[in-house]
Amino acid sequence: MTAPTTAVRDLALALGPAGLPAYLYDLDALREHAAAVRAALPAGVELYYAAKANPEPPLLAALSPYCDGFEVASGGELAHVAAAVPGRPLAFGGPGKTPDEIRAALGAGVHRFHAESLHELRVLDLLAAGTRTGLPVGVLLRFNLPLDPEASRGSALAMGGTPSPFGIDPADADEAVRLVNGSPRLALRGVHAHLASGLDAPALLSVAASVVSWAEELTARHRAPLHEVNIGGGMTVDYARPAARFDWTGYGRGLGLLLASRPGLRLRVEPGRALTAYCGWYATEVLDVKHSRGEDFAVVRGGTHHLRTPATKGHDQPCTVLPVDTWTSPWPRPGARTGRVTLTGQLCTPKDVLARRVPAPGLRAGDRVLFGLSGAYAWNISHHDFLMHPRPGFHFLPSDGRPAPGPTIPGAGA
């Protein structure tokens, strides 16, 4: 179990059945966490938020004072983030950028392009000829670099070191540098390498050191300055131990040591999940409790079509049960017979499981359940329209503790 904040708990109990399921975001908790992350990072390290983790405008606005910029990975994200936090620096990443997306990014004055292939570089070079500023476009070359075996063993998701659609193959590194350096419209700023997710601070520091060394060797071969190295995100969020958090203090200390012998070099980190996961809760209501072959199952409003993460990652979403004493329905109230209950949703698939064998003695229909760590890769990656159930509500808790419905991404329920 993981304990919700008082404001989140009170709102989950105050919402009636018609208001559930709902996403509850504690913006004060988000600001506090972002401020601590920012304070842990030394001078010379920039903090960009990977908007793909959760692009809700109130979250972006809350993060903005603590971030140096935002990373976007599509034309849609580009337009959305630019509207939500206007004027902030944007880095444009992701494979398969279309010519129209590149044009839009050039028109929006994107701060950095993360080039994913030689073809993309050639397209960017040609389209940059039409920019009005006359200034060269800043490019970070993203490479699919080898991943240390020790780091890969602890990774929840490896994105480097194996055949992959992400990044430029190291065998093409010299040609990529020559393409950029040979164009008056492009300016090589450095290297990008996001190789894995779900790593602890020591593993990420080891990855960072290897990426910086590799980038130094590459630019030295071409007698080019190395201005920036983007080492991506990938900071672990442990769904099995929700109280355990990534060691930002140790990570910042290690990055400071890495920079100490490299004056003038800038590092950039791009966390997503590790910034916003902890501020979000998926609140719902138990509809039914049934006993099957010796086990108890509770069916809740909603399910993995709203909160896809446990199904895709194969984990149990941490949760808290909030008992509700009032029962006004005319039919008997079903309840658990055992001390452990598996929480499922309303979908017609056995994969619609949110958490297995949760300690919940006495759980009854009508009780509330709060699923924590739902502030990232939750609603925005879920298959919303499967079975056409109602969409969840969205509430953003400001400092006065009152729910404040805020704007949501296109297509999100209110």
Protein backbone atom coordinates (compact mmCIF):
# COMPACT_ATOMS: atom_id res chain seq x y z
CA MET A 1 0.00 0.00 0.00
CA THR A 2 0.99 3.64 -0.47
CA ALA A 3 -0.62 6.52 1.42
CA PRO A 4 -2.31 9.33 -0.52
CA THR A 5 -2.05 12.93 0.58
CA THR A 6 -4.88 14.25 2.75
CA ALA A 7 -6.24 16.42 -0.05
CA VAL A 8 -6.36 13.48 -2.45
CA ARG A 9 -7.98 11.19 0.14
CA ASP A 10 -10.65 13.78 0.99
CA LEU A 11 -11.52 14.39 -2.64
CA ALA A 12 -11.72 10.66 -3.45
CA LEU A 13 -14.24 10.22 -0.64
CA ALA A 14 -16.18 13.35 -1.59
CA LEU A 15 -16.72 12.37 -5.21
CA GLY A 16 -19.96 10.48 -5.77
CA PRO A 17 -20.30 7.44 -8.04
CA ALA A 18 -21.15 9.71 -10.98
CA GLY A 19 -17.77 11.45 -10.51
CA LEU A 20 -15.73 8.27 -10.60
CA PRO A 21 -13.36 7.08 -11.89
CA ALA A 22 -11.22 10.21 -11.79
CA TYR A 23 -7.62 11.25 -12.01
CA LEU A 24 -6.54 13.37 -9.06
CA TYR A 25 -3.33 15.38 -9.39
CA ASP A 26 -1.68 16.99 -6.36
CA LEU A 27 0.10 19.98 -7.90
CA ASP A 28 1.64 21.06 -4.60
CA ALA A 29 3.28 17.63 -4.26
CA LEU A 30 4.50 17.91 -7.85
CA ARG A 31 6.03 21.34 -7.25
CA GLU A 32 7.75 20.17 -4.08
CA HIS A 33 9.24 17.16 -5.85
CA ALA A 34 10.34 19.16 -8.91
CA ALA A 35 11.99 21.77 -6.68
CA ALA A 36 13.95 19.05 -4.87
CA VAL A 37 15.07 17.53 -8.18
CA ARG A 38 16.15 20.92 -9.50
CA ALA A 39 18.08 21.66 -6.30
CA ALA A 40 19.90 18.32 -6.52
CA LEU A 41 21.29 19.01 -10.00
CA PRO A 42 24.51 21.03 -10.17
CA ALA A 43 25.33 23.99 -12.36
CA GLY A 44 25.95 22.82 -15.90
CA VAL A 45 23.09 20.30 -15.86
CA GLU A 46 19.85 21.28 -17.57
CA LEU A 47 16.52 19.70 -16.65
CA TYR A 48 14.02 19.11 -19.45
CA TYR A 49 10.67 17.39 -18.86
CA ALA A 50 9.73 14.65 -21.33
CA ALA A 51 6.14 15.71 -22.04
CA LYS A 52 5.19 12.26 -23.34
CA ALA A 53 4.98 11.05 -19.71
CA ASN A 54 1.98 13.30 -19.01
CA PRO A 55 1.16 16.39 -21.07
CA GLU A 56 -1.74 17.77 -18.99
CA PRO A 57 -1.43 21.59 -19.15
CA PRO A 58 -1.70 22.18 -15.37
CA LEU A 59 1.18 19.74 -14.81
CA LEU A 60 3.28 21.45 -17.48
CA ALA A 61 2.60 24.84 -15.91
CA ALA A 62 3.47 23.56 -12.43
CA LEU A 63 6.76 22.12 -13.68
CA SER A 64 7.74 25.11 -15.79
CA PRO A 65 9.51 27.16 -13.06
CA TYR A 66 11.79 24.22 -12.24
CA CYS A 67 12.62 23.07 -15.77
CA ASP A 68 14.97 24.56 -18.34
CA GLY A 69 12.71 23.34 -21.13
CA PHE A 70 10.51 20.55 -22.44
CA GLU A 71 11.13 17.61 -24.75
CA VAL A 72 8.44 16.85 -27.33
CA ALA A 73 8.27 13.91 -29.71
CA SER A 74 5.61 14.76 -32.29
CA GLY A 75 4.02 17.67 -34.06
CA GLY A 76 0.99 17.28 -31.83
CA GLU A 77 3.08 17.46 -28.66
CA LEU A 78 4.98 20.42 -30.08
CA ALA A 79 1.79 22.45 -30.62
CA HIS A 80 0.27 21.33 -27.33
CA VAL A 81 3.28 22.14 -25.13
CA ALA A 82 3.98 25.42 -26.92
CA ALA A 83 0.42 26.51 -26.15
CA ALA A 84 0.50 25.27 -22.53
CA VAL A 85 3.84 26.85 -21.57
CA PRO A 86 4.48 29.50 -24.24
CA GLY A 87 7.97 30.79 -24.75
CA ARG A 88 9.79 27.89 -23.06
CA PRO A 89 12.69 26.16 -24.87
CA LEU A 90 11.66 22.97 -26.68
CA ALA A 91 13.72 20.00 -27.84
CA PHE A 92 12.22 17.90 -30.63
CA GLY A 93 12.96 14.18 -30.44
CA GLY A 94 11.52 10.88 -31.55
CA PRO A 95 11.91 8.71 -34.66
CA GLY A 96 9.93 9.18 -37.86
CA LYS A 97 9.61 12.96 -37.88
CA THR A 98 7.57 13.94 -40.92
CA PRO A 99 8.53 16.87 -43.17
CA ASP A 100 5.44 18.76 -41.96
CA GLU A 101 6.45 18.22 -38.32
CA ILE A 102 9.99 19.43 -39.04
CA ARG A 103 8.61 22.52 -40.79
CA ALA A 104 6.37 23.22 -37.81
CA ALA A 105 9.28 22.81 -35.40
CA LEU A 106 11.47 25.14 -37.47
CA GLY A 107 8.67 27.69 -37.54
CA ALA A 108 8.25 27.42 -33.78
CA GLY A 109 11.94 28.07 -33.18
CA VAL A 110 12.63 24.69 -31.55
CA HIS A 111 15.74 24.94 -29.38
CA ARG A 112 17.26 21.55 -30.30
CA PHE A 113 16.59 18.84 -32.86
CA HIS A 114 17.46 15.29 -31.79
CA ALA A 115 18.38 13.76 -35.14
CA GLU A 116 17.51 10.05 -35.30
CA SER A 117 18.89 9.07 -38.73
CA LEU A 118 20.99 10.17 -41.68
CA HIS A 119 17.82 10.56 -43.73
CA GLU A 120 16.31 12.82 -41.09
CA LEU A 121 19.44 14.97 -41.15
CA ARG A 122 19.19 15.39 -44.90
CA VAL A 123 15.51 16.35 -44.68
CA LEU A 124 16.22 18.79 -41.86
CA ASP A 125 19.07 20.37 -43.83
CA LEU A 126 16.89 20.90 -46.88
CA LEU A 127 13.92 22.29 -44.93
CA ALA A 128 16.14 24.55 -42.81
CA ALA A 129 16.96 26.48 -45.98
CA GLY A 130 13.53 28.05 -45.69
CA THR A 131 13.89 29.38 -42.16
CA ARG A 132 13.67 33.14 -41.76
CA THR A 133 16.14 33.65 -38.95
CA GLY A 134 19.17 32.77 -40.99
CA LEU A 135 20.70 31.14 -37.93
CA PRO A 136 21.87 27.53 -38.11
CA VAL A 137 19.61 24.93 -36.48
CA GLY A 138 21.07 23.34 -33.35
CA VAL A 139 21.39 19.56 -33.72
CA LEU A 140 22.08 16.80 -31.23
CA LEU A 141 22.90 13.50 -32.91
CA ARG A 142 21.10 10.65 -31.18
CA PHE A 143 23.08 7.42 -31.25
CA ASN A 144 22.21 3.82 -30.46
CA LEU A 145 25.27 3.28 -28.30
CA PRO A 146 26.31 0.09 -26.51
CA LEU A 147 24.71 -0.38 -23.09
CA ASP A 148 26.86 -1.69 -20.26
CA PRO A 149 25.73 -5.27 -19.38
CA GLU A 150 25.48 -4.36 -15.70
CA ALA A 151 23.19 -1.44 -16.49
CA SER A 152 21.05 -3.45 -18.90
CA ARG A 153 20.40 -6.12 -16.29
CA GLY A 154 18.72 -3.57 -14.04
CA SER A 155 16.83 -1.89 -16.86
CA ALA A 156 13.05 -2.04 -17.16
CA LEU A 157 13.27 -1.02 -20.83
CA ALA A 158 16.46 -1.12 -22.91
CA MET A 159 16.50 1.23 -25.90
CA GLY A 160 20.18 1.05 -26.83
CA GLY A 161 22.87 -1.50 -27.52
CA THR A 162 20.61 -3.75 -29.61
CA PRO A 163 19.07 -3.45 -33.10
CA SER A 164 16.58 -0.64 -32.69
CA PRO A 165 14.62 2.03 -34.57
CA PHE A 166 15.96 4.58 -32.08
CA GLY A 167 19.06 6.61 -32.87
CA ILE A 168 21.83 6.47 -35.44
CA ASP A 169 24.01 3.39 -35.67
CA PRO A 170 27.51 4.13 -34.34
CA ALA A 171 28.90 2.85 -37.67
CA ASP A 172 27.31 5.91 -39.30
CA ALA A 173 28.55 8.38 -36.69
CA ASP A 174 31.31 9.92 -38.78
CA GLU A 175 29.03 10.40 -41.76
CA ALA A 176 26.43 12.05 -39.51
CA VAL A 177 29.00 14.52 -38.20
CA ARG A 178 30.18 15.28 -41.72
CA LEU A 179 26.60 15.92 -42.86
CA VAL A 180 26.02 18.46 -40.10
CA ASN A 181 29.41 20.14 -40.32
CA GLY A 182 29.08 20.37 -44.08
CA SER A 183 25.88 22.36 -43.93
CA PRO A 184 25.74 26.10 -43.26
CA ARG A 185 22.16 25.61 -42.06
CA LEU A 186 22.94 23.12 -39.28
CA ALA A 187 25.12 23.44 -36.18
CA LEU A 188 26.42 20.41 -34.31
CA ARG A 189 25.82 20.99 -30.61
CA GLY A 190 26.58 17.52 -29.36
CA VAL A 191 25.25 14.02 -28.75
CA HIS A 192 22.04 12.51 -27.41
CA ALA A 193 21.80 8.97 -26.04
CA HIS A 194 18.83 7.67 -24.07
CA LEU A 195 19.74 4.01 -23.69
CA ALA A 196 17.52 2.53 -20.98
CA SER A 197 14.76 3.19 -18.49
CA GLY A 198 14.24 2.05 -14.93
CA LEU A 199 17.84 2.47 -13.75
CA ASP A 200 19.06 3.54 -10.33
CA ALA A 201 21.46 6.44 -9.81
CA PRO A 202 24.75 4.45 -9.90
CA ALA A 203 23.74 2.70 -13.12
CA LEU A 204 22.66 5.96 -14.77
CA LEU A 205 25.89 7.64 -13.74
CA SER A 206 27.86 4.81 -15.33
CA VAL A 207 25.83 5.23 -18.52
CA ALA A 208 26.36 9.00 -18.47
CA ALA A 209 30.13 8.64 -18.12
CA SER A 210 30.32 6.22 -21.04
CA VAL A 211 28.16 8.43 -23.27
CA VAL A 212 30.25 11.53 -22.51
CA SER A 213 33.49 9.67 -23.22
CA TRP A 214 32.13 8.32 -26.50
CA ALA A 215 30.93 11.79 -27.55
CA GLU A 216 34.33 13.28 -26.73
CA GLU A 217 36.08 10.70 -28.89
CA LEU A 218 33.70 11.33 -31.79
CA THR A 219 34.01 15.10 -31.78
CA ALA A 220 37.78 14.92 -31.24
CA ARG A 221 38.12 12.84 -34.43
CA HIS A 222 36.43 15.65 -36.32
CA ARG A 223 38.20 18.44 -34.42
CA ALA A 224 34.80 19.79 -33.42
CA PRO A 225 33.86 21.27 -30.04
CA LEU A 226 31.52 19.31 -27.80
CA HIS A 227 29.01 21.71 -26.31
CA GLU A 228 26.26 19.44 -24.98
CA VAL A 229 25.53 15.83 -24.12
CA ASN A 230 21.93 14.79 -23.55
CA ILE A 231 21.88 11.65 -21.38
CA GLY A 232 18.10 11.29 -21.44
CA GLY A 233 15.88 10.10 -18.62
CA GLY A 234 15.28 6.58 -17.41
CA MET A 235 15.32 7.24 -13.65
CA THR A 236 13.68 4.31 -11.92
CA VAL A 237 10.17 4.45 -10.47
CA ASP A 238 9.61 1.32 -8.39
CA TYR A 239 5.94 0.29 -8.49
CA ALA A 240 6.63 -2.57 -6.07
CA ARG A 241 8.20 -0.14 -3.56
CA PRO A 242 6.38 3.16 -4.12
CA ALA A 243 8.00 4.81 -1.10
CA ALA A 244 11.49 4.25 -2.57
CA ARG A 245 12.53 7.07 -4.88
CA PHE A 246 15.42 7.68 -7.22
CA ASP A 247 18.49 9.11 -5.48
CA TRP A 248 18.52 12.55 -7.07
CA THR A 249 21.05 13.87 -4.56
CA GLY A 250 23.58 11.15 -5.34
CA TYR A 251 22.89 11.45 -9.04
CA GLY A 252 23.46 15.20 -9.00
CA ARG A 253 26.66 14.76 -7.04
CA GLY A 254 27.93 12.24 -9.58
CA LEU A 255 27.08 14.48 -12.53
CA GLY A 256 28.94 17.31 -10.84
CA LEU A 257 32.05 15.15 -10.60
CA LEU A 258 31.66 14.22 -14.27
CA LEU A 259 31.56 17.90 -15.23
CA ALA A 260 34.36 18.99 -12.91
CA SER A 261 37.10 18.06 -15.38
CA ARG A 262 35.13 19.26 -18.42
CA PRO A 263 34.71 23.03 -18.18
CA GLY A 264 32.24 24.39 -20.69
CA LEU A 265 30.39 21.12 -21.22
CA ARG A 266 26.65 21.12 -20.57
CA LEU A 267 24.71 18.00 -19.64
CA ARG A 268 20.97 17.65 -20.12
CA VAL A 269 18.64 15.17 -18.45
CA GLU A 270 15.08 14.49 -19.64
CA PRO A 271 13.05 12.69 -16.96
CA GLY A 272 9.36 12.11 -17.49
CA ARG A 273 7.93 9.37 -15.28
CA ALA A 274 10.31 10.16 -12.41
CA LEU A 275 8.98 13.73 -12.19
CA THR A 276 5.20 13.28 -12.42
CA ALA A 277 4.36 9.69 -11.44
CA TYR A 278 4.12 10.46 -7.74
CA CYS A 279 1.65 13.35 -8.01
CA GLY A 280 -1.15 11.40 -9.72
CA TRP A 281 -3.86 9.09 -8.37
CA TYR A 282 -6.56 7.10 -10.15
CA ALA A 283 -9.61 7.09 -7.89
CA THR A 284 -12.44 4.63 -8.37
CA GLU A 285 -15.23 2.72 -6.66
CA VAL A 286 -15.72 -0.99 -6.01
CA LEU A 287 -18.78 -2.16 -7.96
CA ASP A 288 -18.82 -5.83 -7.01
CA VAL A 289 -16.91 -8.35 -4.92
CA LYS A 290 -17.07 -11.98 -5.94
CA HIS A 291 -15.51 -15.25 -4.78
CA SER A 292 -14.04 -17.56 -7.43
CA ARG A 293 -12.25 -20.84 -6.80
CA GLY A 294 -11.01 -19.81 -3.41
CA GLU A 295 -10.03 -16.23 -4.30
CA ASP A 296 -11.74 -12.85 -3.99
CA PHE A 297 -12.08 -10.45 -6.91
CA ALA A 298 -13.24 -6.84 -6.74
CA VAL A 299 -14.54 -5.23 -9.94
CA VAL A 300 -14.01 -1.47 -9.93
CA ARG A 301 -15.35 1.31 -12.14
CA GLY A 302 -12.98 1.86 -15.05
CA GLY A 303 -9.89 -0.30 -15.44
CA THR A 304 -6.85 -0.64 -17.65
CA HIS A 305 -8.54 1.25 -20.50
CA HIS A 306 -7.97 4.27 -18.24
CA LEU A 307 -4.82 3.09 -16.46
CA ARG A 308 -2.91 0.89 -18.88
CA THR A 309 0.43 0.79 -17.04
CA PRO A 310 -0.06 -2.34 -14.91
CA ALA A 311 -1.21 -4.36 -17.91
CA THR A 312 1.66 -3.29 -20.17
CA LYS A 313 4.39 -3.54 -17.53
CA GLY A 314 2.96 -6.65 -15.86
CA HIS A 315 3.04 -5.18 -12.37
CA ASP A 316 0.53 -4.50 -9.61
CA GLN A 317 -0.37 -0.84 -9.34
CA PRO A 318 0.17 0.33 -5.73
CA CYS A 319 -3.12 1.21 -4.13
CA THR A 320 -4.94 2.28 -0.99
CA VAL A 321 -8.45 1.18 -0.02
CA LEU A 322 -10.70 3.84 1.52
CA PRO A 323 -13.63 2.19 3.35
CA VAL A 324 -17.05 3.77 2.93
CA ASP A 325 -19.58 2.96 5.64
CA THR A 326 -22.68 4.28 3.89
CA TRP A 327 -24.64 1.81 1.75
CA THR A 328 -28.03 3.07 0.54
CA SER A 329 -28.75 0.51 -2.19
CA PRO A 330 -31.73 -1.82 -1.61
CA TRP A 331 -29.73 -4.98 -2.42
CA PRO A 332 -27.27 -6.76 -0.12
CA ARG A 333 -23.72 -5.38 -0.07
CA PRO A 334 -21.15 -7.92 -1.33
CA GLY A 335 -17.83 -8.14 0.48
CA ALA A 336 -14.55 -10.02 0.53
CA ARG A 337 -14.39 -13.40 2.27
CA THR A 338 -10.60 -13.58 2.46
CA GLY A 339 -7.85 -11.18 3.46
CA ARG A 340 -6.57 -10.60 -0.07
CA VAL A 341 -8.41 -9.30 -3.12
CA THR A 342 -7.50 -9.02 -6.82
CA LEU A 343 -8.68 -5.69 -8.26
CA THR A 344 -9.99 -5.82 -11.83
CA GLY A 345 -11.76 -3.43 -14.17
CA GLN A 346 -14.88 -3.60 -16.30
CA LEU A 347 -13.33 -4.88 -19.52
CA CYS A 348 -14.18 -8.23 -21.11
CA THR A 349 -10.61 -9.51 -20.94
CA PRO A 350 -8.64 -11.36 -18.26
CA LYS A 351 -5.84 -8.85 -18.81
CA ASP A 352 -7.88 -6.09 -17.18
CA VAL A 353 -6.10 -6.48 -13.83
CA LEU A 354 -4.93 -3.49 -11.81
CA ALA A 355 -3.48 -5.24 -8.77
CA ARG A 356 -3.30 -8.84 -7.59
CA ARG A 357 -4.04 -10.21 -4.12
CA VAL A 358 -4.06 -6.84 -2.38
CA PRO A 359 -4.29 -7.05 1.42
CA ALA A 360 -7.86 -5.77 1.84
CA PRO A 361 -9.76 -7.63 4.56
CA GLY A 362 -13.36 -6.49 4.76
CA LEU A 363 -13.39 -4.81 1.32
CA ARG A 364 -16.97 -4.17 0.20
CA ALA A 365 -18.82 -2.81 -2.78
CA GLY A 366 -19.01 0.97 -2.50
CA ASP A 367 -15.54 1.34 -1.01
CA ARG A 368 -13.10 3.64 -2.79
CA VAL A 369 -9.71 2.59 -4.17
CA LEU A 370 -6.87 5.00 -4.92
CA PHE A 371 -4.20 3.75 -7.31
CA GLY A 372 -0.97 5.66 -6.75
CA LEU A 373 1.97 6.42 -9.07
CA SER A 374 -0.59 7.34 -11.73
CA GLY A 375 0.86 10.68 -12.73
CA ALA A 376 2.81 9.34 -15.73
CA TYR A 377 2.15 6.97 -18.63
CA ALA A 378 -1.36 6.34 -17.37
CA TRP A 379 -4.39 7.96 -19.03
CA ASN A 380 -2.45 9.31 -22.00
CA ILE A 381 -1.22 5.87 -23.16
CA SER A 382 -4.43 3.94 -22.48
CA HIS A 383 -6.92 2.46 -24.97
CA HIS A 384 -9.73 4.79 -23.97
CA ASP A 385 -12.51 3.70 -26.32
CA PHE A 386 -12.42 -0.06 -25.84
CA LEU A 387 -15.99 -1.07 -24.81
CA MET A 388 -16.94 2.64 -24.79
CA HIS A 389 -17.12 3.04 -21.02
CA PRO A 390 -17.37 6.64 -19.70
CA ARG A 391 -14.12 8.55 -19.52
CA PRO A 392 -12.67 9.58 -16.16
CA GLY A 393 -12.82 12.99 -14.59
CA PHE A 394 -9.74 15.13 -14.05
CA HIS A 395 -9.08 17.19 -10.93
CA PHE A 396 -6.05 19.34 -10.13
CA LEU A 397 -5.54 20.11 -6.47
CA PRO A 398 -4.15 23.61 -5.80
CA SER A 399 -2.69 24.76 -2.51
CA ASP A 400 -6.07 25.61 -0.99
CA GLY A 401 -7.06 21.96 -1.24
CA ARG A 402 -10.12 22.51 -3.43
CA PRO A 403 -10.48 20.50 -6.65
CA ALA A 404 -9.98 22.67 -9.70
CA PRO A 405 -10.93 21.05 -13.01
CA GLY A 406 -8.32 22.04 -15.58
CA PRO A 407 -7.87 21.75 -19.31
CA THR A 408 -6.87 18.34 -20.60
CA ILE A 409 -5.24 16.97 -23.70
CA PRO A 410 -7.49 16.67 -26.76
CA GLY A 411 -9.91 13.80 -26.34
CA ALA A 412 -9.56 13.57 -22.56
CA GLY A 413 -12.69 13.38 -20.49
CA ALA A 414 -13.57 16.11 -18.04
